[in-house]
PDB file of N, CA and C in Angstrom:
ATOM      1  N   VAL A   1     -25.679  -7.717 -13.466  1.00  0.00           N
ATOM      2  CA  VAL A   1     -24.400  -8.241 -13.534  1.00  0.00           C
ATOM      3  C   VAL A   1     -23.785  -7.414 -12.307  1.00  0.00           C
ATOM      4  N   GLN A   2     -23.319  -7.857 -11.025  1.00  0.00           N
ATOM      5  CA  GLN A   2     -22.515  -6.928 -10.213  1.00  0.00           C
ATOM      6  C   GLN A   2     -21.366  -7.936 -10.111  1.00  0.00           C
ATOM      7  N   LEU A   3     -20.495  -6.961 -10.029  1.00  0.00           N
ATOM      8  CA  LEU A   3     -18.931  -7.676  -9.738  1.00  0.00           C
ATOM      9  C   LEU A   3     -18.216  -7.154  -8.389  1.00  0.00           C
ATOM     10  N   GLN A   4     -17.699  -7.769  -7.535  1.00  0.00           N
ATOM     11  CA  GLN A   4     -16.990  -7.395  -6.662  1.00  0.00           C
ATOM     12  C   GLN A   4     -15.300  -7.809  -6.531  1.00  0.00           C
ATOM     13  N   ALA A   5     -14.718  -6.876  -6.413  1.00  0.00           N
ATOM     14  CA  ALA A   5     -13.191  -7.141  -6.636  1.00  0.00           C
ATOM     15  C   ALA A   5     -12.442  -7.031  -5.486  1.00  0.00           C
ATOM     16  N   CYS A   6     -11.334  -7.981  -4.559  1.00  0.00           N
ATOM     17  CA  CYS A   6     -10.800  -7.668  -3.760  1.00  0.00           C
ATOM     18  C   CYS A   6      -9.677  -8.268  -3.735  1.00  0.00           C
ATOM     19  N   GLY A   7      -8.585  -7.721  -2.739  1.00  0.00           N
ATOM     20  CA  GLY A   7      -7.422  -8.902  -2.512  1.00  0.00           C
ATOM     21  C   GLY A   7      -6.080  -8.022  -3.166  1.00  0.00           C
ATOM     22  N   GLY A   8      -6.681  -6.675  -3.290  1.00  0.00           N
ATOM     23  CA  GLY A   8      -5.306  -5.891  -3.667  1.00  0.00           C
ATOM     24  C   GLY A   8      -4.647  -5.393  -2.119  1.00  0.00           C
ATOM     25  N   GLY A   9      -3.380  -4.782  -2.168  1.00  0.00           N
ATOM     26  CA  GLY A   9      -2.631  -4.487  -0.955  1.00  0.00           C
ATOM     27  C   GLY A   9      -1.275  -3.977  -1.417  1.00  0.00           C
ATOM     28  N   LEU A  10      -0.536  -3.574  -0.317  1.00  0.00           N
ATOM     29  CA  LEU A  10       0.792  -3.261  -0.632  1.00  0.00           C
ATOM     30  C   LEU A  10       1.794  -4.575  -0.308  1.00  0.00           C
ATOM     31  N   VAL A  11       2.690  -4.457  -1.258  1.00  0.00           N
ATOM     32  CA  VAL A  11       3.626  -5.828  -1.360  1.00  0.00           C
ATOM     33  C   VAL A  11       4.856  -5.409  -1.718  1.00  0.00           C
ATOM     34  N   GLN A  12       5.833  -6.074  -1.444  1.00  0.00           N
ATOM     35  CA  GLN A  12       7.353  -5.693  -1.675  1.00  0.00           C
ATOM     36  C   GLN A  12       7.570  -6.237  -3.415  1.00  0.00           C
ATOM     37  N   ALA A  13       8.418  -5.866  -4.396  1.00  0.00           N
ATOM     38  CA  ALA A  13       8.774  -6.331  -5.144  1.00  0.00           C
ATOM     39  C   ALA A  13       9.339  -7.501  -5.042  1.00  0.00           C
ATOM     40  N   GLY A  14       8.817  -8.502  -5.937  1.00  0.00           N
ATOM     41  CA  GLY A  14       8.796 -10.037  -6.096  1.00  0.00           C
ATOM     42  C   GLY A  14       8.167 -10.700  -5.410  1.00  0.00           C
ATOM     43  N   GLY A  15       7.257  -9.993  -4.676  1.00  0.00           N
ATOM     44  CA  GLY A  15       6.044 -10.766  -3.756  1.00  0.00           C
ATOM     45  C   GLY A  15       4.930 -10.946  -4.824  1.00  0.00           C
ATOM     46  N   SER A  16       3.991 -11.617  -4.366  1.00  0.00           N
ATOM     47  CA  SER A  16       2.815 -11.867  -4.728  1.00  0.00           C
ATOM     48  C   SER A  16       1.153 -11.448  -4.353  1.00  0.00           C
ATOM     49  N   LEU A  17       0.459 -11.337  -5.174  1.00  0.00           N
ATOM     50  CA  LEU A  17      -0.999 -11.157  -4.679  1.00  0.00           C
ATOM     51  C   LEU A  17      -1.786 -11.720  -5.332  1.00  0.00           C
ATOM     52  N   ARG A  18      -2.882 -12.209  -4.791  1.00  0.00           N
ATOM     53  CA  ARG A  18      -4.049 -12.572  -5.394  1.00  0.00           C
ATOM     54  C   ARG A  18      -5.237 -12.083  -5.764  1.00  0.00           C
ATOM     55  N   LEU A  19      -5.814 -11.599  -6.842  1.00  0.00           N
ATOM     56  CA  LEU A  19      -7.052 -10.661  -6.446  1.00  0.00           C
ATOM     57  C   LEU A  19      -8.263 -11.544  -6.731  1.00  0.00           C
ATOM     58  N   SER A  20      -9.375 -11.499  -6.388  1.00  0.00           N
ATOM     59  CA  SER A  20     -10.400 -11.843  -6.778  1.00  0.00           C
ATOM     60  C   SER A  20     -11.591 -11.039  -7.145  1.00  0.00           C
ATOM     61  N   CYS A  21     -12.524 -11.563  -7.773  1.00  0.00           N
ATOM     62  CA  CYS A  21     -13.484 -10.664  -8.692  1.00  0.00           C
ATOM     63  C   CYS A  21     -14.729 -11.614  -8.281  1.00  0.00           C
ATOM     64  N   ALA A  22     -15.616 -11.681  -7.464  1.00  0.00           N
ATOM     65  CA  ALA A  22     -16.816 -12.596  -7.232  1.00  0.00           C
ATOM     66  C   ALA A  22     -18.180 -11.870  -8.030  1.00  0.00           C
ATOM     67  N   ALA A  23     -18.872 -12.641  -9.106  1.00  0.00           N
ATOM     68  CA  ALA A  23     -19.873 -12.235  -9.561  1.00  0.00           C
ATOM     69  C   ALA A  23     -21.666 -12.402  -9.103  1.00  0.00           C
ATOM     70  N   SER A  24     -22.130 -11.780  -9.174  1.00  0.00           N
ATOM     71  CA  SER A  24     -23.498 -11.830  -8.918  1.00  0.00           C
ATOM     72  C   SER A  24     -24.285 -11.924 -10.473  1.00  0.00           C
ATOM     73  N   GLY A  25     -24.898 -12.818 -10.928  1.00  0.00           N
ATOM     74  CA  GLY A  25     -25.513 -12.969 -12.301  1.00  0.00           C
ATOM     75  C   GLY A  25     -24.768 -13.954 -13.080  1.00  0.00           C
ATOM     76  N   ARG A  26     -25.200 -13.869 -14.365  1.00  0.00           N
ATOM     77  CA  ARG A  26     -24.368 -14.883 -15.085  1.00  0.00           C
ATOM     78  C   ARG A  26     -23.210 -13.881 -16.021  1.00  0.00           C
ATOM     79  N   THR A  27     -22.098 -14.707 -15.696  1.00  0.00           N
ATOM     80  CA  THR A  27     -20.774 -13.779 -16.621  1.00  0.00           C
ATOM     81  C   THR A  27     -20.343 -14.678 -17.715  1.00  0.00           C
ATOM     82  N   PHE A  28     -19.797 -14.122 -18.514  1.00  0.00           N
ATOM     83  CA  PHE A  28     -19.098 -14.574 -20.113  1.00  0.00           C
ATOM     84  C   PHE A  28     -17.813 -14.206 -19.765  1.00  0.00           C
ATOM     85  N   THR A  29     -17.364 -13.726 -20.599  1.00  0.00           N
ATOM     86  CA  THR A  29     -15.777 -13.402 -20.921  1.00  0.00           C
ATOM     87  C   THR A  29     -15.371 -12.641 -19.808  1.00  0.00           C
ATOM     88  N   MET A  30     -14.499 -12.835 -18.962  1.00  0.00           N
ATOM     89  CA  MET A  30     -14.131 -12.354 -18.092  1.00  0.00           C
ATOM     90  C   MET A  30     -12.556 -11.199 -18.108  1.00  0.00           C
ATOM     91  N   GLY A  31     -12.615 -10.526 -17.433  1.00  0.00           N
ATOM     92  CA  GLY A  31     -11.039  -9.706 -17.702  1.00  0.00           C
ATOM     93  C   GLY A  31     -10.596  -9.027 -16.739  1.00  0.00           C
ATOM     94  N   TRP A  32      -9.479  -8.904 -16.605  1.00  0.00           N
ATOM     95  CA  TRP A  32      -8.828  -7.873 -15.677  1.00  0.00           C
ATOM     96  C   TRP A  32      -8.159  -6.890 -16.521  1.00  0.00           C
ATOM     97  N   PHE A  33      -8.173  -5.382 -15.959  1.00  0.00           N
ATOM     98  CA  PHE A  33      -7.756  -4.330 -16.252  1.00  0.00           C
ATOM     99  C   PHE A  33      -6.628  -3.676 -15.171  1.00  0.00           C
ATOM    100  N   ARG A  34      -5.987  -2.748 -15.861  1.00  0.00           N
ATOM    101  CA  ARG A  34      -5.334  -2.028 -14.478  1.00  0.00           C
ATOM    102  C   ARG A  34      -5.224  -0.528 -14.953  1.00  0.00           C
ATOM    103  N   GLN A  35      -5.133   0.418 -13.845  1.00  0.00           N
ATOM    104  CA  GLN A  35      -4.797   1.738 -14.731  1.00  0.00           C
ATOM    105  C   GLN A  35      -4.351   2.168 -13.552  1.00  0.00           C
ATOM    106  N   ALA A  36      -2.766   2.686 -13.947  1.00  0.00           N
ATOM    107  CA  ALA A  36      -1.881   3.362 -12.963  1.00  0.00           C
ATOM    108  C   ALA A  36      -1.824   5.074 -13.098  1.00  0.00           C
ATOM    109  N   PRO A  37      -1.465   5.505 -12.221  1.00  0.00           N
ATOM    110  CA  PRO A  37      -1.545   7.191 -12.003  1.00  0.00           C
ATOM    111  C   PRO A  37      -1.407   7.907 -13.491  1.00  0.00           C
ATOM    112  N   GLY A  38      -2.237   8.697 -13.442  1.00  0.00           N
ATOM    113  CA  GLY A  38      -2.139   9.400 -15.000  1.00  0.00           C
ATOM    114  C   GLY A  38      -2.130   8.333 -16.162  1.00  0.00           C
ATOM    115  N   LYS A  39      -2.346   7.573 -16.261  1.00  0.00           N
ATOM    116  CA  LYS A  39      -2.239   6.542 -17.455  1.00  0.00           C
ATOM    117  C   LYS A  39      -3.820   6.045 -17.851  1.00  0.00           C
ATOM    118  N   GLY A  40      -4.017   5.309 -18.729  1.00  0.00           N
ATOM    119  CA  GLY A  40      -5.070   4.752 -19.197  1.00  0.00           C
ATOM    120  C   GLY A  40      -5.574   3.115 -18.722  1.00  0.00           C
ATOM    121  N   ARG A  41      -6.682   2.545 -18.916  1.00  0.00           N
ATOM    122  CA  ARG A  41      -7.090   1.457 -18.139  1.00  0.00           C
ATOM    123  C   ARG A  41      -6.753   0.406 -19.344  1.00  0.00           C
ATOM    124  N   ASP A  42      -5.755  -0.354 -19.309  1.00  0.00           N
ATOM    125  CA  ASP A  42      -5.395  -1.557 -19.927  1.00  0.00           C
ATOM    126  C   ASP A  42      -5.984  -2.857 -19.683  1.00  0.00           C
ATOM    127  N   LEU A  43      -6.239  -3.835 -20.801  1.00  0.00           N
ATOM    128  CA  LEU A  43      -6.676  -5.184 -20.267  1.00  0.00           C
ATOM    129  C   LEU A  43      -5.335  -5.625 -20.128  1.00  0.00           C
ATOM    130  N   ILE A  44      -4.968  -6.541 -19.214  1.00  0.00           N
ATOM    131  CA  ILE A  44      -3.954  -7.572 -19.241  1.00  0.00           C
ATOM    132  C   ILE A  44      -4.196  -8.809 -18.912  1.00  0.00           C
ATOM    133  N   ALA A  45      -5.329  -9.027 -18.820  1.00  0.00           N
ATOM    134  CA  ALA A  45      -5.788 -10.797 -18.990  1.00  0.00           C
ATOM    135  C   ALA A  45      -7.045 -10.874 -19.228  1.00  0.00           C
ATOM    136  N   SER A  46      -7.362 -11.633 -19.623  1.00  0.00           N
ATOM    137  CA  SER A  46      -8.899 -12.371 -19.909  1.00  0.00           C
ATOM    138  C   SER A  46      -8.880 -13.741 -20.010  1.00  0.00           C
ATOM    139  N   ILE A  47     -10.123 -13.929 -19.742  1.00  0.00           N
ATOM    140  CA  ILE A  47     -10.462 -15.980 -19.742  1.00  0.00           C
ATOM    141  C   ILE A  47     -11.836 -15.999 -20.387  1.00  0.00           C
ATOM    142  N   SER A  48     -12.336 -16.754 -21.243  1.00  0.00           N
ATOM    143  CA  SER A  48     -13.265 -17.442 -21.814  1.00  0.00           C
ATOM    144  C   SER A  48     -14.367 -17.998 -20.641  1.00  0.00           C
ATOM    145  N   THR A  49     -15.544 -18.008 -20.912  1.00  0.00           N
ATOM    146  CA  THR A  49     -16.674 -18.704 -20.059  1.00  0.00           C
ATOM    147  C   THR A  49     -16.143 -20.128 -19.703  1.00  0.00           C
ATOM    148  N   SER A  50     -15.789 -20.744 -20.763  1.00  0.00           N
ATOM    149  CA  SER A  50     -15.246 -22.190 -20.703  1.00  0.00           C
ATOM    150  C   SER A  50     -13.827 -22.574 -19.875  1.00  0.00           C
ATOM    151  N   GLY A  51     -13.439 -21.472 -19.860  1.00  0.00           N
ATOM    152  CA  GLY A  51     -11.925 -21.129 -19.385  1.00  0.00           C
ATOM    153  C   GLY A  51     -10.763 -21.853 -20.165  1.00  0.00           C
ATOM    154  N   ARG A  52     -11.239 -22.042 -21.281  1.00  0.00           N
ATOM    155  CA  ARG A  52     -10.081 -22.842 -22.104  1.00  0.00           C
ATOM    156  C   ARG A  52      -9.400 -21.610 -23.060  1.00  0.00           C
ATOM    157  N   GLU A  53      -9.799 -20.311 -23.217  1.00  0.00           N
ATOM    158  CA  GLU A  53      -9.282 -19.172 -24.391  1.00  0.00           C
ATOM    159  C   GLU A  53      -8.982 -18.419 -23.002  1.00  0.00           C
ATOM    160  N   ILE A  54      -7.479 -18.097 -22.856  1.00  0.00           N
ATOM    161  CA  ILE A  54      -6.947 -16.997 -21.884  1.00  0.00           C
ATOM    162  C   ILE A  54      -5.850 -16.472 -23.009  1.00  0.00           C
ATOM    163  N   SER A  55      -5.943 -14.895 -22.265  1.00  0.00           N
ATOM    164  CA  SER A  55      -5.084 -14.156 -22.898  1.00  0.00           C
ATOM    165  C   SER A  55      -4.103 -13.237 -22.314  1.00  0.00           C
ATOM    166  N   TYR A  56      -2.801 -12.765 -22.331  1.00  0.00           N
ATOM    167  CA  TYR A  56      -2.310 -12.046 -21.465  1.00  0.00           C
ATOM    168  C   TYR A  56      -1.463 -10.656 -22.108  1.00  0.00           C
ATOM    169  N   ALA A  57      -1.594  -9.590 -21.682  1.00  0.00           N
ATOM    170  CA  ALA A  57      -0.725  -8.347 -22.023  1.00  0.00           C
ATOM    171  C   ALA A  57       0.506  -8.921 -22.052  1.00  0.00           C
ATOM    172  N   ASP A  58       1.610  -8.666 -23.026  1.00  0.00           N
ATOM    173  CA  ASP A  58       2.910  -8.734 -22.693  1.00  0.00           C
ATOM    174  C   ASP A  58       3.500  -8.589 -21.576  1.00  0.00           C
ATOM    175  N   SER A  59       3.233  -7.304 -20.948  1.00  0.00           N
ATOM    176  CA  SER A  59       3.841  -6.822 -19.648  1.00  0.00           C
ATOM    177  C   SER A  59       3.507  -7.774 -18.617  1.00  0.00           C
ATOM    178  N   VAL A  60       2.629  -8.542 -18.645  1.00  0.00           N
ATOM    179  CA  VAL A  60       2.361  -9.561 -17.279  1.00  0.00           C
ATOM    180  C   VAL A  60       2.535 -10.848 -17.733  1.00  0.00           C
ATOM    181  N   LYS A  61       2.683 -11.199 -19.161  1.00  0.00           N
ATOM    182  CA  LYS A  61       2.996 -12.544 -19.490  1.00  0.00           C
ATOM    183  C   LYS A  61       4.041 -13.428 -18.689  1.00  0.00           C
ATOM    184  N   GLY A  62       3.656 -14.462 -18.184  1.00  0.00           N
ATOM    185  CA  GLY A  62       4.579 -15.383 -17.487  1.00  0.00           C
ATOM    186  C   GLY A  62       4.671 -15.319 -15.784  1.00  0.00           C
ATOM    187  N   ARG A  63       4.095 -13.605 -15.629  1.00  0.00           N
ATOM    188  CA  ARG A  63       3.743 -13.403 -14.096  1.00  0.00           C
ATOM    189  C   ARG A  63       2.674 -13.591 -13.466  1.00  0.00           C
ATOM    190  N   TYR A  64       1.558 -13.176 -14.391  1.00  0.00           N
ATOM    191  CA  TYR A  64       0.320 -13.433 -13.779  1.00  0.00           C
ATOM    192  C   TYR A  64      -0.611 -14.678 -14.347  1.00  0.00           C
ATOM    193  N   THR A  65      -1.561 -15.051 -13.713  1.00  0.00           N
ATOM    194  CA  THR A  65      -2.272 -16.637 -14.194  1.00  0.00           C
ATOM    195  C   THR A  65      -3.962 -16.088 -13.917  1.00  0.00           C
ATOM    196  N   ILE A  66      -4.471 -15.870 -14.953  1.00  0.00           N
ATOM    197  CA  ILE A  66      -6.106 -15.612 -14.796  1.00  0.00           C
ATOM    198  C   ILE A  66      -6.719 -17.298 -14.663  1.00  0.00           C
ATOM    199  N   SER A  67      -7.533 -17.299 -13.432  1.00  0.00           N
ATOM    200  CA  SER A  67      -8.526 -18.416 -13.409  1.00  0.00           C
ATOM    201  C   SER A  67      -9.751 -18.027 -13.322  1.00  0.00           C
ATOM    202  N   ARG A  68     -10.721 -19.376 -13.439  1.00  0.00           N
ATOM    203  CA  ARG A  68     -12.202 -18.988 -12.981  1.00  0.00           C
ATOM    204  C   ARG A  68     -12.521 -20.231 -12.088  1.00  0.00           C
ATOM    205  N   ASP A  69     -13.436 -19.917 -11.141  1.00  0.00           N
ATOM    206  CA  ASP A  69     -14.200 -21.063 -10.586  1.00  0.00           C
ATOM    207  C   ASP A  69     -15.651 -20.924 -10.907  1.00  0.00           C
ATOM    208  N   SER A  70     -16.165 -21.743 -11.806  1.00  0.00           N
ATOM    209  CA  SER A  70     -17.413 -21.699 -12.230  1.00  0.00           C
ATOM    210  C   SER A  70     -18.554 -21.762 -11.055  1.00  0.00           C
ATOM    211  N   ALA A  71     -18.196 -22.488 -10.253  1.00  0.00           N
ATOM    212  CA  ALA A  71     -19.138 -23.216  -9.325  1.00  0.00           C
ATOM    213  C   ALA A  71     -19.331 -21.931  -8.377  1.00  0.00           C
ATOM    214  N   LYS A  72     -18.118 -21.208  -8.192  1.00  0.00           N
ATOM    215  CA  LYS A  72     -18.536 -20.048  -7.397  1.00  0.00           C
ATOM    216  C   LYS A  72     -18.372 -18.568  -7.936  1.00  0.00           C
ATOM    217  N   ASN A  73     -18.571 -18.826  -9.080  1.00  0.00           N
ATOM    218  CA  ASN A  73     -18.859 -17.538 -10.237  1.00  0.00           C
ATOM    219  C   ASN A  73     -17.660 -16.382  -9.551  1.00  0.00           C
ATOM    220  N   THR A  74     -16.643 -16.882  -9.561  1.00  0.00           N
ATOM    221  CA  THR A  74     -15.595 -15.999  -9.336  1.00  0.00           C
ATOM    222  C   THR A  74     -14.386 -16.067 -10.317  1.00  0.00           C
ATOM    223  N   VAL A  75     -13.644 -15.001 -10.508  1.00  0.00           N
ATOM    224  CA  VAL A  75     -12.338 -14.966 -11.228  1.00  0.00           C
ATOM    225  C   VAL A  75     -11.432 -14.688 -10.415  1.00  0.00           C
ATOM    226  N   TYR A  76     -10.205 -15.302 -10.624  1.00  0.00           N
ATOM    227  CA  TYR A  76      -8.898 -14.635  -9.965  1.00  0.00           C
ATOM    228  C   TYR A  76      -7.846 -14.163 -10.818  1.00  0.00           C
ATOM    229  N   LEU A  77      -6.643 -13.615 -10.128  1.00  0.00           N
ATOM    230  CA  LEU A  77      -5.972 -13.003 -10.836  1.00  0.00           C
ATOM    231  C   LEU A  77      -4.508 -13.105  -9.798  1.00  0.00           C
ATOM    232  N   GLN A  78      -3.696 -14.303  -9.869  1.00  0.00           N
ATOM    233  CA  GLN A  78      -2.611 -14.562  -9.305  1.00  0.00           C
ATOM    234  C   GLN A  78      -2.063 -13.681  -9.919  1.00  0.00           C
ATOM    235  N   MET A  79      -0.685 -12.962  -9.041  1.00  0.00           N
ATOM    236  CA  MET A  79       0.129 -12.129  -9.492  1.00  0.00           C
ATOM    237  C   MET A  79       1.282 -12.500  -8.836  1.00  0.00           C
ATOM    238  N   ASP A  80       2.440 -13.156  -9.553  1.00  0.00           N
ATOM    239  CA  ASP A  80       3.783 -13.209  -8.859  1.00  0.00           C
ATOM    240  C   ASP A  80       4.648 -12.483  -9.302  1.00  0.00           C
ATOM    241  N   SER A  81       5.948 -12.273  -8.956  1.00  0.00           N
ATOM    242  CA  SER A  81       7.066 -11.727  -9.559  1.00  0.00           C
ATOM    243  C   SER A  81       6.741 -10.316  -9.670  1.00  0.00           C
ATOM    244  N   LEU A  82       6.034  -9.411  -8.664  1.00  0.00           N
ATOM    245  CA  LEU A  82       5.581  -8.560  -9.087  1.00  0.00           C
ATOM    246  C   LEU A  82       6.460  -7.176  -8.931  1.00  0.00           C
ATOM    247  N   LYS A  83       6.387  -6.161  -9.525  1.00  0.00           N
ATOM    248  CA  LYS A  83       7.472  -5.184  -9.966  1.00  0.00           C
ATOM    249  C   LYS A  83       6.737  -3.813  -9.339  1.00  0.00           C
ATOM    250  N   PRO A  84       7.459  -3.108  -9.244  1.00  0.00           N
ATOM    251  CA  PRO A  84       7.115  -1.528  -8.805  1.00  0.00           C
ATOM    252  C   PRO A  84       5.988  -0.693 -10.045  1.00  0.00           C
ATOM    253  N   GLU A  85       6.503  -1.368 -11.084  1.00  0.00           N
ATOM    254  CA  GLU A  85       5.673  -0.741 -12.398  1.00  0.00           C
ATOM    255  C   GLU A  85       4.271  -1.477 -12.656  1.00  0.00           C
ATOM    256  N   ASP A  86       4.051  -2.471 -11.664  1.00  0.00           N
ATOM    257  CA  ASP A  86       2.670  -3.388 -11.378  1.00  0.00           C
ATOM    258  C   ASP A  86       1.621  -2.342 -10.736  1.00  0.00           C
ATOM    259  N   THR A  87       1.987  -1.526 -10.068  1.00  0.00           N
ATOM    260  CA  THR A  87       1.224  -0.409  -9.252  1.00  0.00           C
ATOM    261  C   THR A  87       0.144   0.273 -10.085  1.00  0.00           C
ATOM    262  N   ALA A  88      -1.178  -0.249  -9.282  1.00  0.00           N
ATOM    263  CA  ALA A  88      -2.065   0.372 -10.502  1.00  0.00           C
ATOM    264  C   ALA A  88      -3.553   0.101  -9.518  1.00  0.00           C
ATOM    265  N   VAL A  89      -4.150   0.546  -9.937  1.00  0.00           N
ATOM    266  CA  VAL A  89      -5.755   0.371  -9.374  1.00  0.00           C
ATOM    267  C   VAL A  89      -6.211  -0.621 -10.802  1.00  0.00           C
ATOM    268  N   TYR A  90      -6.547  -2.381  -9.961  1.00  0.00           N
ATOM    269  CA  TYR A  90      -7.052  -3.124 -10.732  1.00  0.00           C
ATOM    270  C   TYR A  90      -8.734  -3.385 -10.764  1.00  0.00           C
ATOM    271  N   TYR A  91      -9.030  -3.650 -12.025  1.00  0.00           N
ATOM    272  CA  TYR A  91     -10.391  -3.765 -12.402  1.00  0.00           C
ATOM    273  C   TYR A  91     -11.006  -4.641 -13.100  1.00  0.00           C
ATOM    274  N   CYS A  92     -11.899  -5.635 -12.352  1.00  0.00           N
ATOM    275  CA  CYS A  92     -12.553  -6.705 -13.118  1.00  0.00           C
ATOM    276  C   CYS A  92     -13.855  -6.469 -14.203  1.00  0.00           C
ATOM    277  N   ALA A  93     -13.649  -7.021 -15.131  1.00  0.00           N
ATOM    278  CA  ALA A  93     -14.750  -6.660 -15.980  1.00  0.00           C
ATOM    279  C   ALA A  93     -15.532  -8.104 -16.806  1.00  0.00           C
ATOM    280  N   SER A  94     -16.210  -7.808 -17.376  1.00  0.00           N
ATOM    281  CA  SER A  94     -17.657  -8.634 -17.813  1.00  0.00           C
ATOM    282  C   SER A  94     -18.007  -8.278 -19.300  1.00  0.00           C
ATOM    283  N   LYS A  95     -17.639  -9.365 -20.377  1.00  0.00           N
ATOM    284  CA  LYS A  95     -18.482  -8.693 -21.466  1.00  0.00           C
ATOM    285  C   LYS A  95     -18.998 -10.431 -22.123  1.00  0.00           C
ATOM    286  N   SER A  96     -20.071 -10.317 -22.934  1.00  0.00           N
ATOM    287  CA  SER A  96     -20.302 -11.558 -23.734  1.00  0.00           C
ATOM    288  C   SER A  96     -19.015 -11.479 -24.819  1.00  0.00           C
ATOM    289  N   TYR A  97     -19.125 -13.005 -25.265  1.00  0.00           N
ATOM    290  CA  TYR A  97     -18.184 -13.556 -26.123  1.00  0.00           C
ATOM    291  C   TYR A  97     -18.094 -12.914 -27.141  1.00  0.00           C
ATOM    292  N   LEU A  98     -18.668 -11.990 -28.044  1.00  0.00           N
ATOM    293  CA  LEU A  98     -18.818 -11.670 -29.337  1.00  0.00           C
ATOM    294  C   LEU A  98     -18.625 -10.182 -29.124  1.00  0.00           C
ATOM    295  N   ALA A  99     -18.788  -9.539 -27.900  1.00  0.00           N
ATOM    296  CA  ALA A  99     -18.862  -8.114 -27.937  1.00  0.00           C
ATOM    297  C   ALA A  99     -17.537  -7.441 -28.150  1.00  0.00           C
ATOM    298  N   THR A 100     -17.357  -6.370 -28.222  1.00  0.00           N
ATOM    299  CA  THR A 100     -16.602  -5.563 -28.324  1.00  0.00           C
ATOM    300  C   THR A 100     -16.129  -4.420 -26.774  1.00  0.00           C
ATOM    301  N   THR A 101     -17.644  -4.612 -26.228  1.00  0.00           N
ATOM    302  CA  THR A 101     -17.620  -3.613 -25.062  1.00  0.00           C
ATOM    303  C   THR A 101     -17.753  -4.178 -24.062  1.00  0.00           C
ATOM    304  N   TRP A 102     -16.973  -4.058 -22.722  1.00  0.00           N
ATOM    305  CA  TRP A 102     -17.153  -4.363 -21.901  1.00  0.00           C
ATOM    306  C   TRP A 102     -18.380  -3.936 -20.777  1.00  0.00           C
ATOM    307  N   ALA A 103     -19.133  -4.567 -20.327  1.00  0.00           N
ATOM    308  CA  ALA A 103     -20.421  -4.260 -20.230  1.00  0.00           C
ATOM    309  C   ALA A 103     -20.559  -4.095 -18.548  1.00  0.00           C
ATOM    310  N   TYR A 104     -19.794  -4.719 -18.159  1.00  0.00           N
ATOM    311  CA  TYR A 104     -20.112  -4.864 -16.563  1.00  0.00           C
ATOM    312  C   TYR A 104     -18.538  -4.724 -15.790  1.00  0.00           C
ATOM    313  N   TRP A 105     -18.849  -4.019 -14.945  1.00  0.00           N
ATOM    314  CA  TRP A 105     -17.363  -3.321 -14.034  1.00  0.00           C
ATOM    315  C   TRP A 105     -17.145  -3.459 -12.247  1.00  0.00           C
ATOM    316  N   GLY A 106     -16.284  -3.980 -12.037  1.00  0.00           N
ATOM    317  CA  GLY A 106     -16.172  -4.163 -10.565  1.00  0.00           C
ATOM    318  C   GLY A 106     -15.393  -2.776 -10.106  1.00  0.00           C
ATOM    319  N   GLN A 107     -16.202  -2.521  -9.042  1.00  0.00           N
ATOM    320  CA  GLN A 107     -14.866  -1.468  -8.257  1.00  0.00           C
ATOM    321  C   GLN A 107     -13.416  -1.728  -8.036  1.00  0.00           C
ATOM    322  N   GLY A 108     -12.624  -0.843  -8.530  1.00  0.00           N
ATOM    323  CA  GLY A 108     -10.950  -1.278  -8.061  1.00  0.00           C
ATOM    324  C   GLY A 108     -10.434  -1.529  -7.250  1.00  0.00           C
ATOM    325  N   THR A 109      -9.373  -2.618  -7.328  1.00  0.00           N
ATOM    326  CA  THR A 109      -8.830  -2.561  -6.079  1.00  0.00           C
ATOM    327  C   THR A 109      -7.392  -2.298  -5.890  1.00  0.00           C
ATOM    328  N   GLN A 110      -6.884  -1.545  -5.260  1.00  0.00           N
ATOM    329  CA  GLN A 110      -5.685  -0.946  -5.299  1.00  0.00           C
ATOM    330  C   GLN A 110      -4.593  -1.905  -5.037  1.00  0.00           C
ATOM    331  N   VAL A 111      -3.585  -2.023  -5.791  1.00  0.00           N
ATOM    332  CA  VAL A 111      -1.949  -2.666  -5.841  1.00  0.00           C
ATOM    333  C   VAL A 111      -0.826  -1.834  -5.521  1.00  0.00           C
ATOM    334  N   THR A 112      -0.164  -1.893  -4.756  1.00  0.00           N
ATOM    335  CA  THR A 112       1.062  -1.093  -4.696  1.00  0.00           C
ATOM    336  C   THR A 112       2.104  -2.066  -4.539  1.00  0.00           C
ATOM    337  N   VAL A 113       3.393  -1.719  -5.561  1.00  0.00           N
ATOM    338  CA  VAL A 113       4.221  -2.735  -5.067  1.00  0.00           C
ATOM    339  C   VAL A 113       5.585  -1.644  -4.934  1.00  0.00           C
ATOM    340  N   SER A 114       6.188  -1.857  -3.560  1.00  0.00           N
ATOM    341  CA  SER A 114       7.142  -0.842  -3.310  1.00  0.00           C
ATOM    342  C   SER A 114       8.703  -1.709  -3.781  1.00  0.00           C
ATOM    343  N   SER A 115       9.614  -0.623  -3.967  1.00  0.00           N
ATOM    344  CA  SER A 115      10.932  -1.314  -4.400  1.00  0.00           C
ATOM    345  C   SER A 115      11.633  -1.666  -3.146  1.00  0.00           C
TER     346      SER A 115
END
């Protein structure tokens, strides 16, 4: 499985961005992570294969929306009401439903939110 993330950029606080993660090969649970400078990589959103099970980190709940288009084998992350603290490199990843390890990773895409 190969994952290709895109859609990052520079945006002002309060603005929006949509990240995309296109997959080649079969994917199961998909997730978005982010890593701010000097910090660890944190899971911020995940979506099951069916799209019926979705979860968010508290830091993005109510502002971010994860979705998937199975026909396009693509997962999206709509980010609204962006804050400077959302600045990070964002990664998409995939794992099997019962797995504890995220097996496949896309390259990161930089999101920078200016104040």
